[in-house]
Every structure is written in C-alpha cells, then in structure tokens.
PDB file of all heavy atoms in Angstrom:
ATOM      1  N   ALA A   1       0.818  -1.219  -0.037  1.00  0.00           N
ATOM      2  CA  ALA A   1       0.025  -0.016   0.018  1.00  0.00           C
ATOM      3  C   ALA A   1       0.846   1.252  -0.023  1.00  0.00           C
ATOM      4  O   ALA A   1       0.553   2.192  -0.733  1.00  0.00           O
ATOM      5  CB  ALA A   1      -0.924   0.006   1.178  1.00  0.00           C
ATOM      6  N   ALA A   2       1.957   1.213   0.789  1.00  0.00           N
ATOM      7  CA  ALA A   2       2.884   2.413   0.804  1.00  0.00           C
ATOM      8  C   ALA A   2       3.436   2.583  -0.489  1.00  0.00           C
ATOM      9  O   ALA A   2       3.732   3.767  -1.016  1.00  0.00           O
ATOM     10  CB  ALA A   2       3.936   2.131   1.853  1.00  0.00           C
ATOM     11  N   LEU A   3       3.855   1.507  -1.204  1.00  0.00           N
ATOM     12  CA  LEU A   3       4.347   1.609  -2.537  1.00  0.00           C
ATOM     13  C   LEU A   3       3.312   2.311  -3.498  1.00  0.00           C
ATOM     14  O   LEU A   3       3.721   3.182  -4.328  1.00  0.00           O
ATOM     15  CB  LEU A   3       4.642   0.218  -3.114  1.00  0.00           C
ATOM     16  CG  LEU A   3       5.098   0.068  -4.589  1.00  0.00           C
ATOM     17  CD1 LEU A   3       6.481   0.705  -4.760  1.00  0.00           C
ATOM     18  CD2 LEU A   3       5.114  -1.331  -5.039  1.00  0.00           C
ATOM     19  N   GLY A   4       2.095   1.918  -3.368  1.00  0.00           N
ATOM     20  CA  GLY A   4       0.997   2.593  -4.203  1.00  0.00           C
ATOM     21  C   GLY A   4       1.031   4.082  -3.987  1.00  0.00           C
ATOM     22  O   GLY A   4       0.829   4.902  -4.846  1.00  0.00           O
ATOM     23  N   LEU A   5       1.136   4.469  -2.671  1.00  0.00           N
ATOM     24  CA  LEU A   5       1.098   5.963  -2.418  1.00  0.00           C
ATOM     25  C   LEU A   5       2.303   6.683  -2.910  1.00  0.00           C
ATOM     26  O   LEU A   5       2.095   7.765  -3.483  1.00  0.00           O
ATOM     27  CB  LEU A   5       1.045   6.129  -0.847  1.00  0.00           C
ATOM     28  CG  LEU A   5       0.929   7.527  -0.373  1.00  0.00           C
ATOM     29  CD1 LEU A   5      -0.388   8.172  -0.816  1.00  0.00           C
ATOM     30  CD2 LEU A   5       0.952   7.567   1.229  1.00  0.00           C
ATOM     31  N   VAL A   6       3.509   6.099  -2.821  1.00  0.00           N
ATOM     32  CA  VAL A   6       4.676   6.855  -3.357  1.00  0.00           C
ATOM     33  C   VAL A   6       4.669   6.781  -4.914  1.00  0.00           C
ATOM     34  O   VAL A   6       5.181   7.747  -5.567  1.00  0.00           O
ATOM     35  CB  VAL A   6       6.040   6.292  -2.752  1.00  0.00           C
ATOM     36  CG1 VAL A   6       6.003   6.360  -1.257  1.00  0.00           C
ATOM     37  CG2 VAL A   6       6.268   4.869  -3.279  1.00  0.00           C
ATOM     38  N   GLN A   7       4.131   5.723  -5.484  1.00  0.00           N
ATOM     39  CA  GLN A   7       3.981   5.653  -6.927  1.00  0.00           C
ATOM     40  C   GLN A   7       3.031   6.806  -7.377  1.00  0.00           C
ATOM     41  O   GLN A   7       3.301   7.574  -8.327  1.00  0.00           O
ATOM     42  CB  GLN A   7       3.369   4.388  -7.325  1.00  0.00           C
ATOM     43  CG  GLN A   7       3.587   4.067  -8.836  1.00  0.00           C
ATOM     44  CD  GLN A   7       4.814   3.288  -9.127  1.00  0.00           C
ATOM     45  OE1 GLN A   7       5.107   2.290  -8.463  1.00  0.00           O
ATOM     46  NE2 GLN A   7       5.606   3.740 -10.088  1.00  0.00           N
ATOM     47  N   ASN A   8       1.931   7.012  -6.610  1.00  0.00           N
ATOM     48  CA  ASN A   8       1.004   8.102  -6.904  1.00  0.00           C
ATOM     49  C   ASN A   8       1.690   9.450  -6.739  1.00  0.00           C
ATOM     50  O   ASN A   8       1.508  10.355  -7.606  1.00  0.00           O
ATOM     51  CB  ASN A   8      -0.124   7.916  -5.904  1.00  0.00           C
ATOM     52  CG  ASN A   8      -1.243   8.906  -6.174  1.00  0.00           C
ATOM     53  OD1 ASN A   8      -1.783   9.412  -5.201  1.00  0.00           O
ATOM     54  ND2 ASN A   8      -1.631   9.104  -7.349  1.00  0.00           N
ATOM     55  N   LEU A   9       2.475   9.626  -5.718  1.00  0.00           N
ATOM     56  CA  LEU A   9       3.167  10.944  -5.506  1.00  0.00           C
ATOM     57  C   LEU A   9       4.116  11.236  -6.658  1.00  0.00           C
ATOM     58  O   LEU A   9       4.046  12.362  -7.169  1.00  0.00           O
ATOM     59  CB  LEU A   9       3.970  10.847  -4.207  1.00  0.00           C
ATOM     60  CG  LEU A   9       4.957  11.944  -3.975  1.00  0.00           C
ATOM     61  CD1 LEU A   9       4.142  13.312  -3.679  1.00  0.00           C
ATOM     62  CD2 LEU A   9       5.848  11.669  -2.688  1.00  0.00           C
ATOM     63  N   ALA A  10       4.890  10.199  -7.138  1.00  0.00           N
ATOM     64  CA  ALA A  10       5.834  10.399  -8.177  1.00  0.00           C
ATOM     65  C   ALA A  10       5.095  10.838  -9.497  1.00  0.00           C
ATOM     66  O   ALA A  10       5.534  11.753 -10.265  1.00  0.00           O
ATOM     67  CB  ALA A  10       6.699   9.200  -8.389  1.00  0.00           C
ATOM     68  N   ALA A  11       4.001  10.181  -9.759  1.00  0.00           N
ATOM     69  CA  ALA A  11       3.183  10.436 -10.985  1.00  0.00           C
ATOM     70  C   ALA A  11       2.622  11.812 -10.878  1.00  0.00           C
ATOM     71  O   ALA A  11       2.661  12.571 -11.881  1.00  0.00           O
ATOM     72  CB  ALA A  11       2.088   9.360 -11.163  1.00  0.00           C
ATOM     73  N   LEU A  12       2.065  12.197  -9.767  1.00  0.00           N
ATOM     74  CA  LEU A  12       1.369  13.534  -9.682  1.00  0.00           C
ATOM     75  C   LEU A  12       2.465  14.662  -9.717  1.00  0.00           C
ATOM     76  O   LEU A  12       2.211  15.749 -10.301  1.00  0.00           O
ATOM     77  CB  LEU A  12       0.582  13.575  -8.367  1.00  0.00           C
ATOM     78  CG  LEU A  12      -0.654  12.751  -8.276  1.00  0.00           C
ATOM     79  CD1 LEU A  12      -1.306  12.870  -6.945  1.00  0.00           C
ATOM     80  CD2 LEU A  12      -1.624  13.114  -9.405  1.00  0.00           C
ATOM     81  N   ARG A  13       3.616  14.357  -9.123  1.00  0.00           N
ATOM     82  CA  ARG A  13       4.668  15.432  -9.209  1.00  0.00           C
ATOM     83  C   ARG A  13       5.125  15.635 -10.627  1.00  0.00           C
ATOM     84  O   ARG A  13       5.343  16.746 -11.131  1.00  0.00           O
ATOM     85  CB  ARG A  13       5.896  14.959  -8.290  1.00  0.00           C
ATOM     86  CG  ARG A  13       7.087  15.878  -8.417  1.00  0.00           C
ATOM     87  CD  ARG A  13       8.104  15.482  -7.434  1.00  0.00           C
ATOM     88  NE  ARG A  13       9.285  16.243  -7.466  1.00  0.00           N
ATOM     89  CZ  ARG A  13      10.414  16.035  -8.170  1.00  0.00           C
ATOM     90  NH1 ARG A  13      10.542  14.974  -9.002  1.00  0.00           N
ATOM     91  NH2 ARG A  13      11.459  16.931  -8.166  1.00  0.00           N
ATOM     92  N   ALA A  14       5.220  14.465 -11.403  1.00  0.00           N
ATOM     93  CA  ALA A  14       5.634  14.637 -12.781  1.00  0.00           C
ATOM     94  C   ALA A  14       4.610  15.374 -13.569  1.00  0.00           C
ATOM     95  O   ALA A  14       4.869  16.235 -14.402  1.00  0.00           O
ATOM     96  CB  ALA A  14       5.901  13.266 -13.373  1.00  0.00           C
ATOM     97  N   LEU A  15       3.352  14.988 -13.331  1.00  0.00           N
ATOM     98  CA  LEU A  15       2.232  15.657 -14.044  1.00  0.00           C
ATOM     99  C   LEU A  15       2.115  17.107 -13.691  1.00  0.00           C
ATOM    100  O   LEU A  15       1.816  17.922 -14.600  1.00  0.00           O
ATOM    101  CB  LEU A  15       0.853  14.956 -13.685  1.00  0.00           C
ATOM    102  CG  LEU A  15      -0.360  15.305 -14.474  1.00  0.00           C
ATOM    103  CD1 LEU A  15      -0.095  15.005 -15.949  1.00  0.00           C
ATOM    104  CD2 LEU A  15      -1.509  14.432 -13.993  1.00  0.00           C
ATOM    105  N   ALA A  16       2.390  17.561 -12.486  1.00  0.00           N
ATOM    106  CA  ALA A  16       2.357  18.888 -12.083  1.00  0.00           C
ATOM    107  C   ALA A  16       3.536  19.626 -12.517  1.00  0.00           C
ATOM    108  O   ALA A  16       3.531  20.853 -12.598  1.00  0.00           O
ATOM    109  CB  ALA A  16       2.261  18.939 -10.461  1.00  0.00           C
ATOM    110  N   GLY A  17       4.650  18.972 -12.844  1.00  0.00           N
ATOM    111  CA  GLY A  17       5.825  19.612 -13.242  1.00  0.00           C
ATOM    112  C   GLY A  17       6.202  19.521 -14.693  1.00  0.00           C
ATOM    113  O   GLY A  17       5.446  20.027 -15.556  1.00  0.00           O
ATOM    114  N   PRO A  18       7.219  18.685 -15.055  1.00  0.00           N
ATOM    115  CA  PRO A  18       7.639  18.568 -16.427  1.00  0.00           C
ATOM    116  C   PRO A  18       6.720  17.794 -17.376  1.00  0.00           C
ATOM    117  O   PRO A  18       6.860  17.741 -18.539  1.00  0.00           O
ATOM    118  CB  PRO A  18       8.975  17.874 -16.362  1.00  0.00           C
ATOM    119  CG  PRO A  18       8.881  17.067 -15.104  1.00  0.00           C
ATOM    120  CD  PRO A  18       8.038  17.905 -14.124  1.00  0.00           C
ATOM    121  N   GLY A  19       5.704  17.076 -16.743  1.00  0.00           N
ATOM    122  CA  GLY A  19       4.814  16.186 -17.564  1.00  0.00           C
ATOM    123  C   GLY A  19       5.278  14.748 -17.515  1.00  0.00           C
ATOM    124  O   GLY A  19       6.468  14.470 -17.250  1.00  0.00           O
ATOM    125  N   ILE A  20       4.408  13.846 -17.820  1.00  0.00           N
ATOM    126  CA  ILE A  20       4.687  12.441 -17.738  1.00  0.00           C
ATOM    127  C   ILE A  20       5.687  11.906 -18.818  1.00  0.00           C
ATOM    128  O   ILE A  20       6.546  11.138 -18.614  1.00  0.00           O
ATOM    129  CB  ILE A  20       3.322  11.613 -17.826  1.00  0.00           C
ATOM    130  CG1 ILE A  20       2.480  11.853 -16.599  1.00  0.00           C
ATOM    131  CG2 ILE A  20       3.612  10.175 -17.992  1.00  0.00           C
ATOM    132  CD1 ILE A  20       3.058  11.372 -15.280  1.00  0.00           C
ATOM    133  N   GLN A  21       5.489  12.414 -20.029  1.00  0.00           N
ATOM    134  CA  GLN A  21       6.145  11.887 -21.123  1.00  0.00           C
ATOM    135  C   GLN A  21       7.629  12.060 -21.126  1.00  0.00           C
ATOM    136  O   GLN A  21       8.431  11.249 -21.579  1.00  0.00           O
ATOM    137  CB  GLN A  21       5.596  12.427 -22.519  1.00  0.00           C
ATOM    138  CG  GLN A  21       4.316  11.841 -22.943  1.00  0.00           C
ATOM    139  CD  GLN A  21       4.395  10.354 -23.162  1.00  0.00           C
ATOM    140  OE1 GLN A  21       4.237   9.543 -22.259  1.00  0.00           O
ATOM    141  NE2 GLN A  21       4.568   9.968 -24.463  1.00  0.00           N
ATOM    142  N   SER A  22       8.042  13.168 -20.544  1.00  0.00           N
ATOM    143  CA  SER A  22       9.537  13.541 -20.468  1.00  0.00           C
ATOM    144  C   SER A  22      10.381  12.394 -19.859  1.00  0.00           C
ATOM    145  O   SER A  22      11.229  11.804 -20.495  1.00  0.00           O
ATOM    146  CB  SER A  22       9.755  14.817 -19.749  1.00  0.00           C
ATOM    147  OG  SER A  22      11.189  15.086 -19.564  1.00  0.00           O
ATOM    148  N   GLY A  23       9.976  12.044 -18.660  1.00  0.00           N
ATOM    149  CA  GLY A  23      10.751  10.962 -18.010  1.00  0.00           C
ATOM    150  C   GLY A  23      10.442   9.581 -18.529  1.00  0.00           C
ATOM    151  O   GLY A  23      11.299   8.700 -18.692  1.00  0.00           O
ATOM    152  N   HIS A  24       9.135   9.365 -18.867  1.00  0.00           N
ATOM    153  CA  HIS A  24       8.640   8.030 -19.285  1.00  0.00           C
ATOM    154  C   HIS A  24       9.401   7.654 -20.600  1.00  0.00           C
ATOM    155  O   HIS A  24       9.818   6.496 -20.794  1.00  0.00           O
ATOM    156  CB  HIS A  24       7.215   8.077 -19.442  1.00  0.00           C
ATOM    157  CG  HIS A  24       6.627   6.714 -19.979  1.00  0.00           C
ATOM    158  ND1 HIS A  24       6.541   5.613 -19.166  1.00  0.00           N
ATOM    159  CD2 HIS A  24       6.186   6.383 -21.159  1.00  0.00           C
ATOM    160  CE1 HIS A  24       6.027   4.598 -19.889  1.00  0.00           C
ATOM    161  NE2 HIS A  24       5.784   5.086 -21.144  1.00  0.00           N
ATOM    162  N   MET A  25       9.336   8.558 -21.559  1.00  0.00           N
ATOM    163  CA  MET A  25       9.912   8.237 -22.879  1.00  0.00           C
ATOM    164  C   MET A  25      11.422   8.065 -22.848  1.00  0.00           C
ATOM    165  O   MET A  25      11.994   7.336 -23.650  1.00  0.00           O
ATOM    166  CB  MET A  25       9.411   9.254 -23.834  1.00  0.00           C
ATOM    167  CG  MET A  25       7.913   9.223 -24.158  1.00  0.00           C
ATOM    168  SD  MET A  25       7.288   7.518 -24.508  1.00  0.00           S
ATOM    169  CE  MET A  25       8.099   7.261 -26.143  1.00  0.00           C
ATOM    170  N   LYS A  26      12.098   8.680 -21.952  1.00  0.00           N
ATOM    171  CA  LYS A  26      13.513   8.554 -21.866  1.00  0.00           C
ATOM    172  C   LYS A  26      13.779   7.060 -21.521  1.00  0.00           C
ATOM    173  O   LYS A  26      14.760   6.453 -22.042  1.00  0.00           O
ATOM    174  CB  LYS A  26      14.113   9.445 -20.807  1.00  0.00           C
ATOM    175  CG  LYS A  26      14.288  10.918 -21.210  1.00  0.00           C
ATOM    176  CD  LYS A  26      14.904  11.756 -20.101  1.00  0.00           C
ATOM    177  CE  LYS A  26      15.080  13.190 -20.567  1.00  0.00           C
ATOM    178  NZ  LYS A  26      15.658  14.084 -19.444  1.00  0.00           N
ATOM    179  N   LEU A  27      13.030   6.547 -20.611  1.00  0.00           N
ATOM    180  CA  LEU A  27      13.183   5.119 -20.173  1.00  0.00           C
ATOM    181  C   LEU A  27      12.629   4.201 -21.275  1.00  0.00           C
ATOM    182  O   LEU A  27      13.132   3.035 -21.460  1.00  0.00           O
ATOM    183  CB  LEU A  27      12.588   4.945 -18.833  1.00  0.00           C
ATOM    184  CG  LEU A  27      13.253   5.642 -17.747  1.00  0.00           C
ATOM    185  CD1 LEU A  27      12.434   5.544 -16.468  1.00  0.00           C
ATOM    186  CD2 LEU A  27      14.668   5.103 -17.435  1.00  0.00           C
ATOM    187  N   GLN A  28      11.531   4.655 -21.973  1.00  0.00           N
ATOM    188  CA  GLN A  28      10.941   3.825 -23.014  1.00  0.00           C
ATOM    189  C   GLN A  28      11.872   3.568 -24.180  1.00  0.00           C
ATOM    190  O   GLN A  28      11.778   2.658 -24.883  1.00  0.00           O
ATOM    191  CB  GLN A  28       9.663   4.542 -23.487  1.00  0.00           C
ATOM    192  CG  GLN A  28       8.836   3.743 -24.469  1.00  0.00           C
ATOM    193  CD  GLN A  28       8.232   2.501 -23.889  1.00  0.00           C
ATOM    194  OE1 GLN A  28       8.030   2.478 -22.639  1.00  0.00           O
ATOM    195  NE2 GLN A  28       7.799   1.561 -24.645  1.00  0.00           N
ATOM    196  N   ALA A  29      12.913   4.469 -24.324  1.00  0.00           N
ATOM    197  CA  ALA A  29      13.858   4.329 -25.368  1.00  0.00           C
ATOM    198  C   ALA A  29      14.579   3.022 -25.403  1.00  0.00           C
ATOM    199  O   ALA A  29      14.870   2.426 -26.444  1.00  0.00           O
ATOM    200  CB  ALA A  29      14.813   5.560 -25.411  1.00  0.00           C
ATOM    201  N   ASN A  30      14.887   2.497 -24.216  1.00  0.00           N
ATOM    202  CA  ASN A  30      15.519   1.213 -24.121  1.00  0.00           C
ATOM    203  C   ASN A  30      14.598   0.049 -24.689  1.00  0.00           C
ATOM    204  O   ASN A  30      15.085  -0.739 -25.430  1.00  0.00           O
ATOM    205  CB  ASN A  30      15.849   0.910 -22.673  1.00  0.00           C
ATOM    206  CG  ASN A  30      16.977   1.715 -22.130  1.00  0.00           C
ATOM    207  OD1 ASN A  30      18.106   1.607 -22.539  1.00  0.00           O
ATOM    208  ND2 ASN A  30      16.662   2.632 -21.322  1.00  0.00           N
ATOM    209  N   ALA A  31      13.316   0.110 -24.358  1.00  0.00           N
ATOM    210  CA  ALA A  31      12.389  -0.894 -24.870  1.00  0.00           C
ATOM    211  C   ALA A  31      12.290  -0.783 -26.423  1.00  0.00           C
ATOM    212  O   ALA A  31      12.222  -1.786 -27.083  1.00  0.00           O
ATOM    213  CB  ALA A  31      11.032  -0.741 -24.226  1.00  0.00           C
ATOM    214  N   LEU A  32      12.173   0.463 -26.916  1.00  0.00           N
ATOM    215  CA  LEU A  32      12.096   0.648 -28.361  1.00  0.00           C
ATOM    216  C   LEU A  32      13.387   0.132 -29.074  1.00  0.00           C
ATOM    217  O   LEU A  32      13.263  -0.423 -30.136  1.00  0.00           O
ATOM    218  CB  LEU A  32      11.913   2.160 -28.644  1.00  0.00           C
ATOM    219  CG  LEU A  32      10.549   2.686 -28.647  1.00  0.00           C
ATOM    220  CD1 LEU A  32      10.564   4.281 -28.879  1.00  0.00           C
ATOM    221  CD2 LEU A  32       9.686   2.007 -29.745  1.00  0.00           C
ATOM    222  N   ALA A  33      14.504   0.349 -28.511  1.00  0.00           N
ATOM    223  CA  ALA A  33      15.797  -0.061 -29.031  1.00  0.00           C
ATOM    224  C   ALA A  33      15.760  -1.670 -29.211  1.00  0.00           C
ATOM    225  O   ALA A  33      16.179  -2.215 -30.208  1.00  0.00           O
ATOM    226  CB  ALA A  33      16.924   0.352 -28.255  1.00  0.00           C
ATOM    227  N   ILE A  34      15.315  -2.302 -28.177  1.00  0.00           N
ATOM    228  CA  ILE A  34      15.257  -3.806 -28.203  1.00  0.00           C
ATOM    229  C   ILE A  34      14.255  -4.211 -29.229  1.00  0.00           C
ATOM    230  O   ILE A  34      14.473  -5.182 -30.042  1.00  0.00           O
ATOM    231  CB  ILE A  34      14.910  -4.372 -26.803  1.00  0.00           C
ATOM    232  CG1 ILE A  34      16.037  -4.047 -25.831  1.00  0.00           C
ATOM    233  CG2 ILE A  34      14.601  -5.827 -26.820  1.00  0.00           C
ATOM    234  CD1 ILE A  34      15.709  -4.303 -24.425  1.00  0.00           C
ATOM    235  N   ALA A  35      13.105  -3.573 -29.286  1.00  0.00           N
ATOM    236  CA  ALA A  35      12.036  -3.956 -30.220  1.00  0.00           C
ATOM    237  C   ALA A  35      12.446  -3.753 -31.678  1.00  0.00           C
ATOM    238  O   ALA A  35      12.041  -4.468 -32.576  1.00  0.00           O
ATOM    239  CB  ALA A  35      10.720  -3.099 -29.985  1.00  0.00           C
ATOM    240  N   ALA A  36      13.349  -2.813 -31.887  1.00  0.00           N
ATOM    241  CA  ALA A  36      13.913  -2.459 -33.204  1.00  0.00           C
ATOM    242  C   ALA A  36      14.895  -3.528 -33.622  1.00  0.00           C
ATOM    243  O   ALA A  36      15.317  -3.563 -34.844  1.00  0.00           O
ATOM    244  CB  ALA A  36      14.479  -1.125 -33.259  1.00  0.00           C
ATOM    245  N   GLY A  37      15.374  -4.360 -32.682  1.00  0.00           N
ATOM    246  CA  GLY A  37      16.301  -5.314 -33.122  1.00  0.00           C
ATOM    247  C   GLY A  37      17.778  -5.056 -32.772  1.00  0.00           C
ATOM    248  O   GLY A  37      18.642  -5.773 -33.232  1.00  0.00           O
TER     249      GLY A  37
END
C-alpha cells in the first residue's frame, strides 16, 4: 500500500511539473531499441 502511495506521488509530481512523457519516454527508449532489433 505504501508503494502505491509513493507511486502516486511520483506520478502527480511529474504531471504537475515537467509532464509524464519527458521521463517516461527517456526510459521507454531502451524498450524501443530492443524492439527495433
């Protein structure tokens, strides 16, 4: 349950600040690289 709360905090802070996509897509790049072969 505590994990859920801190996960929520991190998401809301990102949404209130730089936005979700900025950090998410930086990390998503690794998955895209693997998917590309």
